[in-house]
PDB file of N, CA and C in Angstrom:
ATOM      1  N   MET A   1     123.075 103.705  77.385  1.00  0.00           N
ATOM      2  CA  MET A   1     122.903 104.980  78.030  1.00  0.00           C
ATOM      3  C   MET A   1     121.899 104.800  79.166  1.00  0.00           C
ATOM      4  N   GLU A   2     122.093 105.510  80.250  1.00  0.00           N
ATOM      5  CA  GLU A   2     121.202 105.406  81.395  1.00  0.00           C
ATOM      6  C   GLU A   2     120.337 106.657  81.496  1.00  0.00           C
ATOM      7  N   TYR A   3     119.068 106.466  81.783  1.00  0.00           N
ATOM      8  CA  TYR A   3     118.106 107.554  81.914  1.00  0.00           C
ATOM      9  C   TYR A   3     117.678 107.642  83.374  1.00  0.00           C
ATOM     10  N   THR A   4     117.606 108.845  83.911  1.00  0.00           N
ATOM     11  CA  THR A   4     117.223 109.064  85.298  1.00  0.00           C
ATOM     12  C   THR A   4     115.924 109.855  85.341  1.00  0.00           C
ATOM     13  N   ILE A   5     114.963 109.369  86.120  1.00  0.00           N
ATOM     14  CA  ILE A   5     113.700 110.077  86.284  1.00  0.00           C
ATOM     15  C   ILE A   5     113.761 110.801  87.621  1.00  0.00           C
ATOM     16  N   ILE A   6     113.489 112.105  87.565  1.00  0.00           N
ATOM     17  CA  ILE A   6     113.480 112.890  88.797  1.00  0.00           C
ATOM     18  C   ILE A   6     112.084 113.464  89.036  1.00  0.00           C
ATOM     19  N   ARG A   7     111.799 113.743  90.293  1.00  0.00           N
ATOM     20  CA  ARG A   7     110.555 114.395  90.711  1.00  0.00           C
ATOM     21  C   ARG A   7     110.912 115.829  91.075  1.00  0.00           C
ATOM     22  N   ARG A   8     110.202 116.781  90.478  1.00  0.00           N
ATOM     23  CA  ARG A   8     110.486 118.193  90.711  1.00  0.00           C
ATOM     24  C   ARG A   8     109.254 118.850  91.320  1.00  0.00           C
ATOM     25  N   HIS A   9     109.391 119.302  92.567  1.00  0.00           N
ATOM     26  CA  HIS A   9     108.301 119.990  93.250  1.00  0.00           C
ATOM     27  C   HIS A   9     108.584 121.488  93.176  1.00  0.00           C
ATOM     28  N   LYS A  10     107.706 122.207  92.484  1.00  0.00           N
ATOM     29  CA  LYS A  10     107.885 123.645  92.293  1.00  0.00           C
ATOM     30  C   LYS A  10     107.195 124.400  93.426  1.00  0.00           C
ATOM     31  N   PHE A  11     107.965 125.267  94.081  1.00  0.00           N
ATOM     32  CA  PHE A  11     107.440 126.107  95.144  1.00  0.00           C
ATOM     33  C   PHE A  11     107.366 127.553  94.665  1.00  0.00           C
ATOM     34  N   ASP A  12     106.453 128.322  95.193  1.00  0.00           N
ATOM     35  CA  ASP A  12     106.358 129.741  94.845  1.00  0.00           C
ATOM     36  C   ASP A  12     107.384 130.541  95.627  1.00  0.00           C
ATOM     37  N   GLY A  13     108.275 131.219  94.923  1.00  0.00           N
ATOM     38  CA  GLY A  13     109.208 132.134  95.562  1.00  0.00           C
ATOM     39  C   GLY A  13     110.474 131.520  96.121  1.00  0.00           C
ATOM     40  N   ILE A  14     110.575 130.202  96.157  1.00  0.00           N
ATOM     41  CA  ILE A  14     111.805 129.568  96.646  1.00  0.00           C
ATOM     42  C   ILE A  14     112.256 128.514  95.635  1.00  0.00           C
ATOM     43  N   GLU A  15     113.428 127.964  95.865  1.00  0.00           N
ATOM     44  CA  GLU A  15     113.986 126.987  94.936  1.00  0.00           C
ATOM     45  C   GLU A  15     113.149 125.710  94.881  1.00  0.00           C
ATOM     46  N   ASP A  16     113.181 125.069  93.723  1.00  0.00           N
ATOM     47  CA  ASP A  16     112.481 123.799  93.534  1.00  0.00           C
ATOM     48  C   ASP A  16     113.158 122.692  94.324  1.00  0.00           C
ATOM     49  N   ASN A  17     112.378 121.701  94.689  1.00  0.00           N
ATOM     50  CA  ASN A  17     112.896 120.523  95.374  1.00  0.00           C
ATOM     51  C   ASN A  17     112.976 119.393  94.351  1.00  0.00           C
ATOM     52  N   LEU A  18     114.163 118.823  94.162  1.00  0.00           N
ATOM     53  CA  LEU A  18     114.371 117.719  93.228  1.00  0.00           C
ATOM     54  C   LEU A  18     114.665 116.448  94.001  1.00  0.00           C
ATOM     55  N   SER A  19     114.074 115.352  93.563  1.00  0.00           N
ATOM     56  CA  SER A  19     114.375 114.066  94.185  1.00  0.00           C
ATOM     57  C   SER A  19     114.466 112.988  93.113  1.00  0.00           C
ATOM     58  N   PHE A  20     115.389 112.088  93.321  1.00  0.00           N
ATOM     59  CA  PHE A  20     115.635 110.965  92.424  1.00  0.00           C
ATOM     60  C   PHE A  20     114.502 109.954  92.581  1.00  0.00           C
ATOM     61  N   GLN A  21     113.962 109.449  91.456  1.00  0.00           N
ATOM     62  CA  GLN A  21     112.878 108.477  91.511  1.00  0.00           C
ATOM     63  C   GLN A  21     113.270 107.099  90.997  1.00  0.00           C
ATOM     64  N   LYS A  22     113.890 107.045  89.828  1.00  0.00           N
ATOM     65  CA  LYS A  22     114.150 105.747  89.190  1.00  0.00           C
ATOM     66  C   LYS A  22     115.182 105.911  88.088  1.00  0.00           C
ATOM     67  N   THR A  23     115.871 104.826  87.724  1.00  0.00           N
ATOM     68  CA  THR A  23     116.751 104.828  86.558  1.00  0.00           C
ATOM     69  C   THR A  23     116.240 103.771  85.584  1.00  0.00           C
ATOM     70  N   ALA A  24     116.534 103.988  84.313  1.00  0.00           N
ATOM     71  CA  ALA A  24     116.107 103.057  83.272  1.00  0.00           C
ATOM     72  C   ALA A  24     117.233 102.891  82.262  1.00  0.00           C
ATOM     73  N   LYS A  25     117.262 101.758  81.607  1.00  0.00           N
ATOM     74  CA  LYS A  25     118.295 101.465  80.607  1.00  0.00           C
ATOM     75  C   LYS A  25     117.909 101.923  79.200  1.00  0.00           C
ATOM     76  N   THR A  26     116.603 102.045  78.927  1.00  0.00           N
ATOM     77  CA  THR A  26     116.162 102.478  77.602  1.00  0.00           C
ATOM     78  C   THR A  26     115.218 103.671  77.750  1.00  0.00           C
ATOM     79  N   LEU A  27     115.078 104.428  76.671  1.00  0.00           N
ATOM     80  CA  LEU A  27     114.174 105.576  76.691  1.00  0.00           C
ATOM     81  C   LEU A  27     112.725 105.124  76.841  1.00  0.00           C
ATOM     82  N   ASN A  28     112.353 104.036  76.193  1.00  0.00           N
ATOM     83  CA  ASN A  28     110.980 103.529  76.325  1.00  0.00           C
ATOM     84  C   ASN A  28     110.658 103.141  77.765  1.00  0.00           C
ATOM     85  N   GLU A  29     111.602 102.498  78.422  1.00  0.00           N
ATOM     86  CA  GLU A  29     111.424 102.118  79.823  1.00  0.00           C
ATOM     87  C   GLU A  29     111.288 103.369  80.692  1.00  0.00           C
ATOM     88  N   ALA A  30     112.106 104.383  80.437  1.00  0.00           N
ATOM     89  CA  ALA A  30     112.040 105.629  81.196  1.00  0.00           C
ATOM     90  C   ALA A  30     110.695 106.327  80.994  1.00  0.00           C
ATOM     91  N   MET A  31     110.197 106.323  79.761  1.00  0.00           N
ATOM     92  CA  MET A  31     108.889 106.926  79.480  1.00  0.00           C
ATOM     93  C   MET A  31     107.775 106.184  80.216  1.00  0.00           C
ATOM     94  N   ASP A  32     107.848 104.860  80.252  1.00  0.00           N
ATOM     95  CA  ASP A  32     106.843 104.070  80.973  1.00  0.00           C
ATOM     96  C   ASP A  32     106.847 104.415  82.458  1.00  0.00           C
ATOM     97  N   TYR A  33     108.035 104.499  83.067  1.00  0.00           N
ATOM     98  CA  TYR A  33     108.145 104.856  84.477  1.00  0.00           C
ATOM     99  C   TYR A  33     107.580 106.253  84.720  1.00  0.00           C
ATOM    100  N   MET A  34     107.929 107.209  83.860  1.00  0.00           N
ATOM    101  CA  MET A  34     107.488 108.581  84.042  1.00  0.00           C
ATOM    102  C   MET A  34     105.964 108.685  83.932  1.00  0.00           C
ATOM    103  N   ILE A  35     105.374 108.001  82.975  1.00  0.00           N
ATOM    104  CA  ILE A  35     103.918 108.025  82.821  1.00  0.00           C
ATOM    105  C   ILE A  35     103.236 107.431  84.043  1.00  0.00           C
ATOM    106  N   ALA A  36     103.772 106.332  84.557  1.00  0.00           N
ATOM    107  CA  ALA A  36     103.200 105.707  85.754  1.00  0.00           C
ATOM    108  C   ALA A  36     103.297 106.647  86.955  1.00  0.00           C
ATOM    109  N   LEU A  37     104.431 107.312  87.114  1.00  0.00           N
ATOM    110  CA  LEU A  37     104.592 108.250  88.224  1.00  0.00           C
ATOM    111  C   LEU A  37     103.625 109.423  88.097  1.00  0.00           C
ATOM    112  N   LYS A  38     103.436 109.930  86.890  1.00  0.00           N
ATOM    113  CA  LYS A  38     102.492 111.033  86.671  1.00  0.00           C
ATOM    114  C   LYS A  38     101.063 110.609  87.008  1.00  0.00           C
ATOM    115  N   MET A  39     100.720 109.378  86.691  1.00  0.00           N
ATOM    116  CA  MET A  39      99.369 108.894  86.974  1.00  0.00           C
ATOM    117  C   MET A  39      99.102 108.802  88.472  1.00  0.00           C
ATOM    118  N   LEU A  40     100.143 108.539  89.245  1.00  0.00           N
ATOM    119  CA  LEU A  40      99.989 108.401  90.693  1.00  0.00           C
ATOM    120  C   LEU A  40     100.032 109.740  91.424  1.00  0.00           C
ATOM    121  N   GLU A  41     100.465 110.796  90.762  1.00  0.00           N
ATOM    122  CA  GLU A  41     100.637 112.113  91.401  1.00  0.00           C
ATOM    123  C   GLU A  41      99.469 113.027  91.052  1.00  0.00           C
ATOM    124  N   SER A  42      98.835 113.624  92.077  1.00  0.00           N
ATOM    125  CA  SER A  42      97.709 114.525  91.846  1.00  0.00           C
ATOM    126  C   SER A  42      98.077 115.995  92.040  1.00  0.00           C
ATOM    127  N   ASN A  43      99.203 116.271  92.659  1.00  0.00           N
ATOM    128  CA  ASN A  43      99.630 117.651  92.917  1.00  0.00           C
ATOM    129  C   ASN A  43     100.124 118.288  91.620  1.00  0.00           C
ATOM    130  N   LYS A  44      99.521 119.402  91.216  1.00  0.00           N
ATOM    131  CA  LYS A  44      99.880 120.075  89.963  1.00  0.00           C
ATOM    132  C   LYS A  44     101.243 120.769  90.046  1.00  0.00           C
ATOM    133  N   ALA A  45     101.772 120.983  91.241  1.00  0.00           N
ATOM    134  CA  ALA A  45     103.071 121.637  91.417  1.00  0.00           C
ATOM    135  C   ALA A  45     104.227 120.652  91.248  1.00  0.00           C
ATOM    136  N   ILE A  46     103.906 119.386  91.029  1.00  0.00           N
ATOM    137  CA  ILE A  46     104.935 118.356  90.891  1.00  0.00           C
ATOM    138  C   ILE A  46     104.982 117.883  89.442  1.00  0.00           C
ATOM    139  N   GLU A  47     106.201 117.821  88.906  1.00  0.00           N
ATOM    140  CA  GLU A  47     106.385 117.280  87.555  1.00  0.00           C
ATOM    141  C   GLU A  47     107.530 116.284  87.583  1.00  0.00           C
ATOM    142  N   PHE A  48     107.551 115.423  86.582  1.00  0.00           N
ATOM    143  CA  PHE A  48     108.595 114.420  86.460  1.00  0.00           C
ATOM    144  C   PHE A  48     109.374 114.682  85.177  1.00  0.00           C
ATOM    145  N   ASN A  49     110.692 114.543  85.251  1.00  0.00           N
ATOM    146  CA  ASN A  49     111.563 114.793  84.108  1.00  0.00           C
ATOM    147  C   ASN A  49     112.513 113.632  83.918  1.00  0.00           C
ATOM    148  N   ILE A  50     112.902 113.400  82.660  1.00  0.00           N
ATOM    149  CA  ILE A  50     113.903 112.389  82.330  1.00  0.00           C
ATOM    150  C   ILE A  50     115.214 113.120  82.062  1.00  0.00           C
ATOM    151  N   LEU A  51     116.258 112.706  82.756  1.00  0.00           N
ATOM    152  CA  LEU A  51     117.571 113.312  82.600  1.00  0.00           C
ATOM    153  C   LEU A  51     118.556 112.304  82.022  1.00  0.00           C
ATOM    154  N   ILE A  52     119.505 112.810  81.237  1.00  0.00           N
ATOM    155  CA  ILE A  52     120.607 111.978  80.756  1.00  0.00           C
ATOM    156  C   ILE A  52     121.912 112.713  81.029  1.00  0.00           C
ATOM    157  N   ASN A  53     122.959 111.964  81.188  1.00  0.00           N
ATOM    158  CA  ASN A  53     124.284 112.532  81.359  1.00  0.00           C
ATOM    159  C   ASN A  53     124.752 113.065  80.010  1.00  0.00           C
ATOM    160  N   ILE A  54     125.202 114.296  79.955  1.00  0.00           N
ATOM    161  CA  ILE A  54     125.594 114.913  78.691  1.00  0.00           C
ATOM    162  C   ILE A  54     126.760 114.167  78.040  1.00  0.00           C
ATOM    163  N   GLU A  55     127.654 113.607  78.836  1.00  0.00           N
ATOM    164  CA  GLU A  55     128.772 112.840  78.275  1.00  0.00           C
ATOM    165  C   GLU A  55     128.277 111.563  77.598  1.00  0.00           C
ATOM    166  N   ASP A  56     127.281 110.911  78.198  1.00  0.00           N
ATOM    167  CA  ASP A  56     126.694 109.722  77.580  1.00  0.00           C
ATOM    168  C   ASP A  56     126.007 110.083  76.264  1.00  0.00           C
ATOM    169  N   ALA A  57     125.302 111.197  76.250  1.00  0.00           N
ATOM    170  CA  ALA A  57     124.611 111.634  75.032  1.00  0.00           C
ATOM    171  C   ALA A  57     125.616 111.960  73.939  1.00  0.00           C
ATOM    172  N   PHE A  58     126.716 112.590  74.300  1.00  0.00           N
ATOM    173  CA  PHE A  58     127.742 112.942  73.319  1.00  0.00           C
ATOM    174  C   PHE A  58     128.362 111.678  72.723  1.00  0.00           C
ATOM    175  N   LYS A  59     128.667 110.699  73.564  1.00  0.00           N
ATOM    176  CA  LYS A  59     129.217 109.431  73.078  1.00  0.00           C
ATOM    177  C   LYS A  59     128.217 108.719  72.164  1.00  0.00           C
ATOM    178  N   TYR A  60     126.938 108.761  72.538  1.00  0.00           N
ATOM    179  CA  TYR A  60     125.898 108.087  71.763  1.00  0.00           C
ATOM    180  C   TYR A  60     125.736 108.716  70.381  1.00  0.00           C
ATOM    181  N   THR A  61     125.746 110.043  70.316  1.00  0.00           N
ATOM    182  CA  THR A  61     125.534 110.720  69.035  1.00  0.00           C
ATOM    183  C   THR A  61     126.769 110.686  68.151  1.00  0.00           C
ATOM    184  N   ASN A  62     127.941 110.463  68.710  1.00  0.00           N
ATOM    185  CA  ASN A  62     129.172 110.468  67.922  1.00  0.00           C
ATOM    186  C   ASN A  62     129.701 109.073  67.606  1.00  0.00           C
ATOM    187  N   ARG A  63     128.947 108.037  67.917  1.00  0.00           N
ATOM    188  CA  ARG A  63     129.402 106.692  67.589  1.00  0.00           C
ATOM    189  C   ARG A  63     129.156 106.421  66.112  1.00  0.00           C
ATOM    190  N   PRO A  64     129.983 105.622  65.491  1.00  0.00           N
ATOM    191  CA  PRO A  64     129.771 105.331  64.068  1.00  0.00           C
ATOM    192  C   PRO A  64     128.523 104.474  63.870  1.00  0.00           C
ATOM    193  N   LEU A  65     127.836 104.738  62.787  1.00  0.00           N
ATOM    194  CA  LEU A  65     126.644 103.962  62.467  1.00  0.00           C
ATOM    195  C   LEU A  65     127.054 102.644  61.836  1.00  0.00           C
ATOM    196  N   THR A  66     126.466 101.574  62.282  1.00  0.00           N
ATOM    197  CA  THR A  66     126.762 100.251  61.718  1.00  0.00           C
ATOM    198  C   THR A  66     125.448  99.608  61.298  1.00  0.00           C
ATOM    199  N   SER A  67     125.549  98.722  60.355  1.00  0.00           N
ATOM    200  CA  SER A  67     124.377  98.035  59.859  1.00  0.00           C
ATOM    201  C   SER A  67     124.658  96.532  59.801  1.00  0.00           C
ATOM    202  N   ASP A  68     123.616  95.765  60.108  1.00  0.00           N
ATOM    203  CA  ASP A  68     123.734  94.312  60.040  1.00  0.00           C
ATOM    204  C   ASP A  68     123.470  93.800  58.620  1.00  0.00           C
ATOM    205  N   LYS A  69     122.907  94.646  57.796  1.00  0.00           N
ATOM    206  CA  LYS A  69     122.539  94.242  56.443  1.00  0.00           C
ATOM    207  C   LYS A  69     123.705  94.453  55.496  1.00  0.00           C
ATOM    208  N   LYS A  70     123.824  93.540  54.532  1.00  0.00           N
ATOM    209  CA  LYS A  70     124.878  93.662  53.512  1.00  0.00           C
ATOM    210  C   LYS A  70     124.382  94.552  52.391  1.00  0.00           C
ATOM    211  N   VAL A  71     125.244  95.389  51.906  1.00  0.00           N
ATOM    212  CA  VAL A  71     124.912  96.292  50.804  1.00  0.00           C
ATOM    213  C   VAL A  71     125.326  95.625  49.489  1.00  0.00           C
ATOM    214  N   ALA A  72     124.421  95.626  48.526  1.00  0.00           N
ATOM    215  CA  ALA A  72     124.687  94.973  47.245  1.00  0.00           C
ATOM    216  C   ALA A  72     125.607  95.817  46.395  1.00  0.00           C
TER     217      ALA A  72
END
């Protein structure tokens, strides 16, 4: 599954400005990128969000569970 980090600049009275920042292959990698971006940003009107494609999430949650371990 692919994770997308976006930058969201909130304005008073008008629509928010969204911009693409980075993509990641794992959730941990996406969290690391987002934390680093937050540390570099001082403007309180700017936030970072992690987005996923709903179709990817649906496929991920509906896949059969498999185990590498043998059951006795």
